[in-house]
N, C-alpha and C. Protein backbone atom coordinates (compact mmCIF):
# COMPACT_ATOMS: atom_id res chain seq x y z
N GLN A 1 0.84 -1.19 0.00
CA GLN A 1 0.00 0.00 0.00
C GLN A 1 0.88 1.25 0.00
N VAL A 2 0.63 2.12 -0.95
CA VAL A 2 1.41 3.35 -1.07
C VAL A 2 0.96 4.36 -0.03
N GLN A 3 1.93 4.95 0.63
CA GLN A 3 1.64 6.03 1.57
C GLN A 3 2.63 7.17 1.37
N VAL A 4 2.10 8.37 1.41
CA VAL A 4 2.89 9.60 1.39
C VAL A 4 2.31 10.49 2.49
N VAL A 5 3.09 10.78 3.50
CA VAL A 5 2.57 11.49 4.66
C VAL A 5 3.47 12.66 5.00
N GLU A 6 2.91 13.86 4.91
CA GLU A 6 3.65 15.06 5.29
C GLU A 6 3.41 15.36 6.76
N SER A 7 4.39 15.98 7.37
CA SER A 7 4.25 16.44 8.75
C SER A 7 5.18 17.61 8.97
N GLY A 8 4.98 18.29 10.09
CA GLY A 8 5.87 19.37 10.47
C GLY A 8 5.31 20.77 10.28
N GLY A 9 4.12 20.87 9.72
CA GLY A 9 3.53 22.18 9.54
C GLY A 9 3.10 22.79 10.86
N GLY A 10 2.70 24.05 10.80
CA GLY A 10 2.24 24.71 12.01
C GLY A 10 2.21 26.22 11.83
N LEU A 11 2.07 26.89 12.95
CA LEU A 11 2.04 28.35 12.99
C LEU A 11 3.41 28.86 13.38
N VAL A 12 3.94 29.79 12.61
CA VAL A 12 5.26 30.35 12.89
C VAL A 12 5.23 31.83 12.62
N GLN A 13 6.02 32.58 13.34
CA GLN A 13 6.10 34.02 13.14
C GLN A 13 6.96 34.35 11.92
N PRO A 14 6.71 35.47 11.31
CA PRO A 14 7.58 35.89 10.19
C PRO A 14 9.05 35.89 10.61
N GLY A 15 9.88 35.38 9.72
CA GLY A 15 11.29 35.25 10.03
C GLY A 15 11.66 33.92 10.66
N GLY A 16 10.67 33.14 11.03
CA GLY A 16 10.92 31.86 11.67
C GLY A 16 11.23 30.76 10.68
N SER A 17 11.39 29.56 11.23
CA SER A 17 11.75 28.40 10.42
C SER A 17 10.86 27.21 10.74
N LEU A 18 10.70 26.36 9.75
CA LEU A 18 10.01 25.09 9.91
C LEU A 18 10.69 24.07 9.03
N THR A 19 10.63 22.82 9.46
CA THR A 19 11.09 21.71 8.63
C THR A 19 9.93 20.77 8.39
N LEU A 20 9.58 20.59 7.14
CA LEU A 20 8.53 19.64 6.77
C LEU A 20 9.17 18.30 6.42
N SER A 21 8.47 17.24 6.79
CA SER A 21 8.92 15.89 6.47
C SER A 21 7.91 15.22 5.56
N CYS A 22 8.42 14.35 4.71
CA CYS A 22 7.57 13.55 3.83
C CYS A 22 8.01 12.10 4.00
N ALA A 23 7.19 11.32 4.64
CA ALA A 23 7.49 9.91 4.87
C ALA A 23 6.72 9.07 3.86
N THR A 24 7.42 8.15 3.20
CA THR A 24 6.76 7.36 2.16
C THR A 24 6.96 5.87 2.39
N SER A 25 6.10 5.10 1.78
CA SER A 25 6.24 3.65 1.80
C SER A 25 5.43 3.07 0.65
N GLY A 26 5.75 1.84 0.29
CA GLY A 26 4.96 1.13 -0.70
C GLY A 26 5.41 1.27 -2.13
N PHE A 27 6.50 1.98 -2.37
CA PHE A 27 7.04 2.09 -3.73
C PHE A 27 8.54 2.28 -3.63
N ASN A 28 9.22 2.17 -4.77
CA ASN A 28 10.67 2.23 -4.80
C ASN A 28 11.14 3.69 -4.81
N PHE A 29 11.22 4.25 -3.63
CA PHE A 29 11.44 5.68 -3.44
C PHE A 29 12.61 6.22 -4.25
N ARG A 30 13.71 5.52 -4.31
CA ARG A 30 14.90 6.07 -4.94
C ARG A 30 14.74 6.30 -6.44
N HIS A 31 13.70 5.75 -7.03
CA HIS A 31 13.43 5.94 -8.46
C HIS A 31 12.32 6.96 -8.71
N TYR A 32 12.01 7.72 -7.69
CA TYR A 32 10.93 8.71 -7.82
C TYR A 32 11.47 10.11 -7.59
N VAL A 33 11.11 11.01 -8.48
CA VAL A 33 11.38 12.43 -8.30
C VAL A 33 10.44 12.95 -7.23
N ILE A 34 10.98 13.74 -6.33
CA ILE A 34 10.16 14.31 -5.25
C ILE A 34 9.97 15.80 -5.52
N ARG A 35 8.76 16.21 -5.45
CA ARG A 35 8.42 17.62 -5.55
C ARG A 35 7.64 18.04 -4.31
N TRP A 36 7.94 19.22 -3.86
CA TRP A 36 7.09 19.87 -2.86
C TRP A 36 6.28 20.94 -3.59
N TYR A 37 4.98 20.92 -3.34
CA TYR A 37 4.06 21.91 -3.87
C TYR A 37 3.44 22.66 -2.69
N ARG A 38 2.86 23.81 -2.99
CA ARG A 38 2.08 24.51 -1.98
C ARG A 38 0.87 25.15 -2.63
N GLN A 39 -0.16 25.30 -1.83
CA GLN A 39 -1.37 25.95 -2.30
C GLN A 39 -1.78 27.00 -1.30
N PRO A 40 -1.52 28.27 -1.60
CA PRO A 40 -1.95 29.35 -0.70
C PRO A 40 -3.46 29.46 -0.71
N PRO A 41 -4.03 30.06 0.31
CA PRO A 41 -5.50 30.18 0.36
C PRO A 41 -6.03 30.93 -0.85
N GLY A 42 -6.99 30.35 -1.52
CA GLY A 42 -7.64 30.99 -2.66
C GLY A 42 -6.82 31.01 -3.93
N LYS A 43 -5.70 30.30 -3.96
CA LYS A 43 -4.83 30.33 -5.13
C LYS A 43 -4.59 28.92 -5.67
N GLU A 44 -3.97 28.88 -6.85
CA GLU A 44 -3.63 27.60 -7.47
C GLU A 44 -2.44 26.96 -6.76
N ARG A 45 -2.37 25.65 -6.87
CA ARG A 45 -1.22 24.92 -6.35
C ARG A 45 -0.01 25.23 -7.22
N GLU A 46 1.14 25.44 -6.60
CA GLU A 46 2.37 25.71 -7.33
C GLU A 46 3.49 24.83 -6.80
N TYR A 47 4.40 24.48 -7.70
CA TYR A 47 5.52 23.67 -7.23
C TYR A 47 6.58 24.59 -6.64
N VAL A 48 7.21 24.12 -5.60
CA VAL A 48 8.18 24.91 -4.85
C VAL A 48 9.60 24.40 -5.07
N VAL A 49 9.75 23.09 -5.06
CA VAL A 49 11.09 22.52 -5.19
C VAL A 49 10.97 21.14 -5.80
N ILE A 50 11.98 20.78 -6.59
CA ILE A 50 12.06 19.45 -7.17
C ILE A 50 13.39 18.84 -6.75
N ILE A 51 13.34 17.58 -6.31
CA ILE A 51 14.54 16.87 -5.89
C ILE A 51 14.75 15.71 -6.85
N SER A 52 15.85 15.75 -7.57
CA SER A 52 16.14 14.73 -8.57
C SER A 52 16.25 13.35 -7.94
N ALA A 53 15.74 12.35 -8.66
CA ALA A 53 15.89 10.98 -8.21
C ALA A 53 17.32 10.49 -8.43
N ALA A 54 17.91 10.93 -9.53
CA ALA A 54 19.23 10.42 -9.91
C ALA A 54 20.36 11.03 -9.09
N THR A 55 20.25 12.34 -8.83
CA THR A 55 21.38 13.04 -8.20
C THR A 55 21.08 13.55 -6.80
N GLY A 56 19.81 13.66 -6.46
CA GLY A 56 19.43 14.24 -5.18
C GLY A 56 19.52 15.75 -5.16
N VAL A 57 19.86 16.35 -6.29
CA VAL A 57 19.96 17.81 -6.34
C VAL A 57 18.57 18.42 -6.27
N ALA A 58 18.46 19.45 -5.45
CA ALA A 58 17.18 20.14 -5.27
C ALA A 58 17.21 21.48 -5.98
N THR A 59 16.17 21.77 -6.70
CA THR A 59 16.03 23.04 -7.41
C THR A 59 14.76 23.72 -6.93
N VAL A 60 14.91 24.95 -6.45
CA VAL A 60 13.78 25.66 -5.89
C VAL A 60 13.34 26.78 -6.82
N ILE A 61 12.12 27.26 -6.63
CA ILE A 61 11.64 28.39 -7.41
C ILE A 61 12.27 29.67 -6.88
N ASP A 62 12.26 30.69 -7.71
CA ASP A 62 12.96 31.94 -7.37
C ASP A 62 12.45 32.57 -6.09
N SER A 63 11.16 32.49 -5.84
CA SER A 63 10.58 33.20 -4.70
C SER A 63 11.03 32.63 -3.35
N VAL A 64 11.59 31.44 -3.35
CA VAL A 64 12.07 30.85 -2.09
C VAL A 64 13.56 30.59 -2.11
N LYS A 65 14.22 30.98 -3.18
CA LYS A 65 15.66 30.74 -3.29
C LYS A 65 16.40 31.47 -2.17
N GLY A 66 17.33 30.76 -1.56
CA GLY A 66 18.06 31.34 -0.45
C GLY A 66 17.37 31.18 0.90
N ARG A 67 16.12 30.73 0.88
CA ARG A 67 15.38 30.54 2.13
C ARG A 67 14.97 29.09 2.33
N PHE A 68 14.63 28.40 1.27
CA PHE A 68 14.17 27.01 1.35
C PHE A 68 15.24 26.08 0.78
N THR A 69 15.45 24.97 1.43
CA THR A 69 16.28 23.90 0.88
C THR A 69 15.54 22.58 1.06
N ALA A 70 15.91 21.62 0.26
CA ALA A 70 15.24 20.33 0.33
C ALA A 70 16.25 19.21 0.13
N VAL A 71 16.01 18.12 0.81
CA VAL A 71 16.87 16.95 0.68
C VAL A 71 16.00 15.71 0.67
N ARG A 72 16.60 14.62 0.20
CA ARG A 72 15.95 13.32 0.27
C ARG A 72 16.88 12.33 0.97
N ASP A 73 16.27 11.37 1.62
CA ASP A 73 17.02 10.32 2.29
C ASP A 73 16.52 9.00 1.73
N ASN A 74 17.24 8.46 0.77
CA ASN A 74 16.77 7.24 0.10
C ASN A 74 16.79 6.02 1.02
N ASP A 75 17.63 6.06 2.05
CA ASP A 75 17.67 4.92 2.98
C ASP A 75 16.43 4.87 3.86
N ARG A 76 15.86 6.04 4.13
CA ARG A 76 14.69 6.12 5.00
C ARG A 76 13.41 6.37 4.23
N ASN A 77 13.53 6.49 2.88
CA ASN A 77 12.36 6.77 2.04
C ASN A 77 11.65 8.05 2.48
N MET A 78 12.44 9.06 2.72
CA MET A 78 11.88 10.31 3.22
C MET A 78 12.47 11.50 2.47
N ALA A 79 11.73 12.59 2.51
CA ALA A 79 12.21 13.87 1.98
C ALA A 79 11.88 14.96 2.99
N PHE A 80 12.67 16.02 2.91
CA PHE A 80 12.52 17.09 3.89
C PHE A 80 12.57 18.45 3.17
N LEU A 81 11.79 19.37 3.70
CA LEU A 81 11.82 20.74 3.19
C LEU A 81 12.13 21.66 4.36
N GLN A 82 13.30 22.26 4.32
CA GLN A 82 13.71 23.20 5.35
C GLN A 82 13.35 24.61 4.89
N MET A 83 12.56 25.28 5.69
CA MET A 83 12.08 26.62 5.32
C MET A 83 12.56 27.62 6.36
N ASN A 84 13.35 28.57 5.92
CA ASN A 84 13.88 29.61 6.80
C ASN A 84 13.38 30.97 6.36
N SER A 85 13.52 31.94 7.24
CA SER A 85 13.12 33.32 6.93
C SER A 85 11.72 33.36 6.34
N LEU A 86 10.81 32.69 6.99
CA LEU A 86 9.46 32.56 6.46
C LEU A 86 8.74 33.90 6.42
N LYS A 87 7.92 34.05 5.39
CA LYS A 87 7.15 35.27 5.17
C LYS A 87 5.66 34.93 5.18
N PRO A 88 4.82 35.92 5.46
CA PRO A 88 3.38 35.65 5.42
C PRO A 88 2.91 35.04 4.10
N GLU A 89 3.55 35.42 3.01
CA GLU A 89 3.15 34.89 1.70
C GLU A 89 3.54 33.43 1.50
N ASP A 90 4.28 32.87 2.44
CA ASP A 90 4.58 31.44 2.40
C ASP A 90 3.45 30.60 3.00
N THR A 91 2.47 31.28 3.57
CA THR A 91 1.33 30.57 4.14
C THR A 91 0.62 29.75 3.07
N ALA A 92 0.46 28.47 3.32
CA ALA A 92 -0.12 27.58 2.32
C ALA A 92 -0.23 26.18 2.91
N VAL A 93 -0.96 25.33 2.22
CA VAL A 93 -0.89 23.90 2.48
C VAL A 93 0.24 23.36 1.61
N TYR A 94 1.15 22.64 2.22
CA TYR A 94 2.32 22.12 1.52
C TYR A 94 2.12 20.61 1.28
N TYR A 95 2.37 20.21 0.04
CA TYR A 95 2.17 18.83 -0.38
C TYR A 95 3.47 18.22 -0.87
N CYS A 96 3.63 16.96 -0.58
CA CYS A 96 4.74 16.18 -1.11
C CYS A 96 4.21 15.30 -2.24
N ASN A 97 4.95 15.28 -3.34
CA ASN A 97 4.56 14.48 -4.51
C ASN A 97 5.73 13.61 -4.94
N ALA A 98 5.45 12.37 -5.22
CA ALA A 98 6.46 11.43 -5.72
C ALA A 98 6.03 10.94 -7.09
N ARG A 99 6.88 11.18 -8.08
CA ARG A 99 6.54 10.80 -9.46
C ARG A 99 7.65 9.91 -10.03
N GLY A 100 7.24 8.77 -10.58
CA GLY A 100 8.20 7.77 -11.01
C GLY A 100 9.02 8.18 -12.22
N THR A 101 10.22 7.63 -12.30
CA THR A 101 11.10 7.80 -13.44
C THR A 101 11.62 6.44 -13.89
N GLY A 102 12.21 6.40 -15.07
CA GLY A 102 12.85 5.17 -15.52
C GLY A 102 11.92 3.98 -15.56
N GLY A 103 10.71 4.20 -16.02
CA GLY A 103 9.76 3.11 -16.13
C GLY A 103 8.82 2.99 -14.96
N MET A 104 9.12 3.67 -13.88
CA MET A 104 8.20 3.70 -12.74
C MET A 104 7.08 4.69 -13.08
N THR A 105 5.84 4.28 -12.99
CA THR A 105 4.75 5.13 -13.48
C THR A 105 3.90 5.75 -12.39
N GLY A 106 4.23 5.53 -11.14
CA GLY A 106 3.41 6.06 -10.06
C GLY A 106 3.49 7.57 -9.94
N ASP A 107 2.42 8.13 -9.44
CA ASP A 107 2.33 9.58 -9.18
C ASP A 107 1.53 9.72 -7.90
N TYR A 108 2.25 9.91 -6.80
CA TYR A 108 1.63 9.80 -5.48
C TYR A 108 1.68 11.13 -4.72
N TRP A 109 0.60 11.41 -4.01
CA TRP A 109 0.47 12.66 -3.27
C TRP A 109 0.16 12.38 -1.81
N GLY A 110 0.67 13.26 -0.96
CA GLY A 110 0.26 13.24 0.42
C GLY A 110 -0.98 14.08 0.63
N GLN A 111 -1.43 14.14 1.87
CA GLN A 111 -2.65 14.85 2.20
C GLN A 111 -2.40 16.33 2.47
N GLY A 112 -1.13 16.70 2.60
CA GLY A 112 -0.78 18.09 2.83
C GLY A 112 -0.63 18.43 4.30
N THR A 113 0.16 19.47 4.55
CA THR A 113 0.33 19.98 5.91
C THR A 113 0.27 21.50 5.86
N GLN A 114 -0.45 22.07 6.80
CA GLN A 114 -0.69 23.51 6.79
C GLN A 114 0.48 24.26 7.41
N VAL A 115 0.95 25.27 6.71
CA VAL A 115 1.96 26.19 7.23
C VAL A 115 1.34 27.58 7.25
N THR A 116 1.34 28.18 8.42
CA THR A 116 0.79 29.54 8.58
C THR A 116 1.87 30.43 9.15
N VAL A 117 2.17 31.49 8.43
CA VAL A 117 3.18 32.45 8.87
C VAL A 117 2.46 33.74 9.24
N SER A 118 2.46 34.02 10.53
CA SER A 118 1.69 35.17 11.01
C SER A 118 2.21 35.59 12.37
N SER A 119 2.12 36.89 12.61
CA SER A 119 2.50 37.39 13.93
C SER A 119 1.28 37.48 14.84
C-alpha cells in the first residue's frame, strides 16, 4: 500500500523556520522524483522545489531561493523541506509528490500539511 505522509507544519512568526517531512512507503522511493508543492489560500497549487531521483539535487523556485532547501534520504524513504526566513506569503498547504522515473509510473500525493506564517 502506497503512503505519502507530510508532517511538520504549524504556525510560525515571520522570520521563523520550519522543517517539513515527507514519509513514504509502498514504492521504490529512490526511483521517484520528489516535488514539494504549496497551495496558498484561494490560489492555485504551485511547485516549490524538485529533488532529482538520480542526483538528489534540489532546485527551488525563485521566490524561495536562499530561504528554502530540500533533501531526500533514500535509505529512510523520506524527503525534507527546510524553510527559513518565512514570510506571510509562504502561508499555504504544503504537499509532497512522488513521481516515477525510468519506467516507474506512479504519481503519489500526500494529504498536505498547513503552514501559517503570522505574527
